[in-house]
Amino acid sequence: MPVALRALDRGGVLSLAGIHLSDVPSLVYERELFYEKEIRSVTANTRADGEEFLRLAAALGVRAHVRRRPLDDAARTLADLAADAYEGAAVLLP
């Protein structure tokens, strides 16, 4: 986590998922959190929770809307998402 925080630009957001009862390591505020960086987390769930969620989504007919974009278009893709240019998620492909 500290390595990811150091890689963020000013105002960047680090989203954490999949942490299973592990402590957050010590952070050096100036190096890892300074310049309005943010840390966001999600509620920890078990594998069984995820499997149940996917079964329920399939039973309800939930379908993901995914737009595949080349990695070279990352800046444009982020701008499009911020402007609500399309519905769903974007996936950057190398």
C-alpha atoms as a PDB file:
ATOM      1  CA  MET A   1       0.000   0.000   0.000  1.00  0.00           C
ATOM      2  CA  PRO A   2       2.731   2.562   0.749  1.00  0.00           C
ATOM      3  CA  VAL A   3       4.322   1.862  -2.641  1.00  0.00           C
ATOM      4  CA  ALA A   4       0.986   2.468  -4.398  1.00  0.00           C
ATOM      5  CA  LEU A   5       0.440   5.694  -2.470  1.00  0.00           C
ATOM      6  CA  ARG A   6       3.886   6.973  -3.434  1.00  0.00           C
ATOM      7  CA  ALA A   7       3.046   6.292  -7.091  1.00  0.00           C
ATOM      8  CA  LEU A   8      -0.090   8.468  -6.971  1.00  0.00           C
ATOM      9  CA  ASP A   9      -0.054  11.976  -8.365  1.00  0.00           C
ATOM     10  CA  ARG A  10      -1.512  14.926  -6.439  1.00  0.00           C
ATOM     11  CA  GLY A  11      -5.177  14.337  -5.673  1.00  0.00           C
ATOM     12  CA  GLY A  12      -4.919  10.650  -6.625  1.00  0.00           C
ATOM     13  CA  VAL A  13      -7.134   7.971  -5.111  1.00  0.00           C
ATOM     14  CA  LEU A  14      -5.987   4.522  -4.034  1.00  0.00           C
ATOM     15  CA  SER A  15      -8.879   2.033  -3.926  1.00  0.00           C
ATOM     16  CA  LEU A  16      -8.327  -1.029  -1.773  1.00  0.00           C
ATOM     17  CA  ALA A  17     -10.229  -4.250  -2.092  1.00  0.00           C
ATOM     18  CA  GLY A  18      -9.557  -7.785  -1.023  1.00  0.00           C
ATOM     19  CA  ILE A  19      -7.821  -6.949   2.222  1.00  0.00           C
ATOM     20  CA  HIS A  20      -8.575  -9.873   4.490  1.00  0.00           C
ATOM     21  CA  LEU A  21      -8.009  -8.886   8.092  1.00  0.00           C
ATOM     22  CA  SER A  22      -4.578  -7.423   7.423  1.00  0.00           C
ATOM     23  CA  ASP A  23      -3.383  -4.326   9.237  1.00  0.00           C
ATOM     24  CA  VAL A  24      -2.591  -1.143   7.358  1.00  0.00           C
ATOM     25  CA  PRO A  25       1.181  -0.690   7.483  1.00  0.00           C
ATOM     26  CA  SER A  26       2.798   2.400   8.963  1.00  0.00           C
ATOM     27  CA  LEU A  27       2.746   5.380   6.609  1.00  0.00           C
ATOM     28  CA  VAL A  28       5.034   8.374   6.307  1.00  0.00           C
ATOM     29  CA  TYR A  29       2.490  11.159   5.910  1.00  0.00           C
ATOM     30  CA  GLU A  30       4.652  13.503   3.841  1.00  0.00           C
ATOM     31  CA  ARG A  31       5.746  10.795   1.407  1.00  0.00           C
ATOM     32  CA  GLU A  32       2.561   8.726   1.109  1.00  0.00           C
ATOM     33  CA  LEU A  33      -0.479  10.889   1.957  1.00  0.00           C
ATOM     34  CA  PHE A  34       0.530  14.496   1.377  1.00  0.00           C
ATOM     35  CA  TYR A  35      -0.964  16.459  -1.581  1.00  0.00           C
ATOM     36  CA  GLU A  36      -4.606  15.486  -1.075  1.00  0.00           C
ATOM     37  CA  LYS A  37      -4.141  11.793  -1.808  1.00  0.00           C
ATOM     38  CA  GLU A  38      -7.049   9.574  -0.756  1.00  0.00           C
ATOM     39  CA  ILE A  39      -7.456   5.991   0.375  1.00  0.00           C
ATOM     40  CA  ARG A  40     -10.815   4.299  -0.224  1.00  0.00           C
ATOM     41  CA  SER A  41     -11.739   0.821   0.834  1.00  0.00           C
ATOM     42  CA  VAL A  42     -14.602  -1.563   0.316  1.00  0.00           C
ATOM     43  CA  THR A  43     -16.242  -3.855   2.817  1.00  0.00           C
ATOM     44  CA  ALA A  44     -14.337  -7.113   3.005  1.00  0.00           C
ATOM     45  CA  ASN A  45     -16.330 -10.065   1.726  1.00  0.00           C
ATOM     46  CA  THR A  46     -15.608 -13.759   1.591  1.00  0.00           C
ATOM     47  CA  ARG A  47     -15.298 -15.849  -1.555  1.00  0.00           C
ATOM     48  CA  ALA A  48     -18.675 -17.407  -0.683  1.00  0.00           C
ATOM     49  CA  ASP A  49     -20.211 -13.903  -0.556  1.00  0.00           C
ATOM     50  CA  GLY A  50     -18.878 -13.203  -4.041  1.00  0.00           C
ATOM     51  CA  GLU A  51     -20.164 -16.488  -5.413  1.00  0.00           C
ATOM     52  CA  GLU A  52     -23.602 -15.857  -3.917  1.00  0.00           C
ATOM     53  CA  PHE A  53     -23.659 -12.354  -5.395  1.00  0.00           C
ATOM     54  CA  LEU A  54     -22.782 -13.663  -8.874  1.00  0.00           C
ATOM     55  CA  ARG A  55     -25.477 -16.386  -8.677  1.00  0.00           C
ATOM     56  CA  LEU A  56     -28.064 -13.793  -7.664  1.00  0.00           C
ATOM     57  CA  ALA A  57     -26.974 -11.388 -10.416  1.00  0.00           C
ATOM     58  CA  ALA A  58     -27.277 -14.165 -13.018  1.00  0.00           C
ATOM     59  CA  ALA A  59     -30.723 -15.171 -11.721  1.00  0.00           C
ATOM     60  CA  LEU A  60     -31.886 -11.541 -11.964  1.00  0.00           C
ATOM     61  CA  GLY A  61     -30.478 -11.094 -15.463  1.00  0.00           C
ATOM     62  CA  VAL A  62     -27.914  -8.461 -14.479  1.00  0.00           C
ATOM     63  CA  ARG A  63     -25.548  -7.786 -17.376  1.00  0.00           C
ATOM     64  CA  ALA A  64     -22.369  -5.734 -17.263  1.00  0.00           C
ATOM     65  CA  HIS A  65     -21.796  -2.979 -19.797  1.00  0.00           C
ATOM     66  CA  VAL A  66     -18.091  -2.953 -20.582  1.00  0.00           C
ATOM     67  CA  ARG A  67     -16.239  -0.805 -23.073  1.00  0.00           C
ATOM     68  CA  ARG A  68     -12.810  -2.134 -24.040  1.00  0.00           C
ATOM     69  CA  ARG A  69     -10.279   0.598 -24.741  1.00  0.00           C
ATOM     70  CA  PRO A  70      -6.587   0.464 -25.716  1.00  0.00           C
ATOM     71  CA  LEU A  71      -4.167   1.434 -22.963  1.00  0.00           C
ATOM     72  CA  ASP A  72      -2.856   4.254 -25.166  1.00  0.00           C
ATOM     73  CA  ASP A  73      -6.313   5.881 -24.860  1.00  0.00           C
ATOM     74  CA  ALA A  74      -6.268   5.884 -21.028  1.00  0.00           C
ATOM     75  CA  ALA A  75      -6.408   9.677 -20.666  1.00  0.00           C
ATOM     76  CA  ARG A  76      -9.294   9.982 -23.124  1.00  0.00           C
ATOM     77  CA  THR A  77     -11.112   7.053 -21.506  1.00  0.00           C
ATOM     78  CA  LEU A  78     -10.864   8.643 -18.049  1.00  0.00           C
ATOM     79  CA  ALA A  79     -12.131  11.936 -19.451  1.00  0.00           C
ATOM     80  CA  ASP A  80     -15.043  10.109 -21.110  1.00  0.00           C
ATOM     81  CA  LEU A  81     -15.929   8.356 -17.840  1.00  0.00           C
ATOM     82  CA  ALA A  82     -15.777  11.631 -15.906  1.00  0.00           C
ATOM     83  CA  ALA A  83     -18.115  13.202 -18.485  1.00  0.00           C
ATOM     84  CA  ASP A  84     -20.550  10.250 -18.360  1.00  0.00           C
ATOM     85  CA  ALA A  85     -19.920   9.738 -22.074  1.00  0.00           C
ATOM     86  CA  TYR A  86     -21.053   6.122 -21.870  1.00  0.00           C
ATOM     87  CA  GLU A  87     -22.760   3.712 -19.507  1.00  0.00           C
ATOM     88  CA  GLY A  88     -20.936   1.007 -17.615  1.00  0.00           C
ATOM     89  CA  ALA A  89     -17.263   0.360 -17.051  1.00  0.00           C
ATOM     90  CA  ALA A  90     -14.166   0.837 -19.129  1.00  0.00           C
ATOM     91  CA  VAL A  91     -11.395  -1.741 -19.308  1.00  0.00           C
ATOM     92  CA  LEU A  92      -7.956  -0.699 -20.534  1.00  0.00           C
ATOM     93  CA  LEU A  93      -6.244  -3.364 -22.609  1.00  0.00           C
ATOM     94  CA  PRO A  94      -2.451  -3.454 -23.007  1.00  0.00           C
END
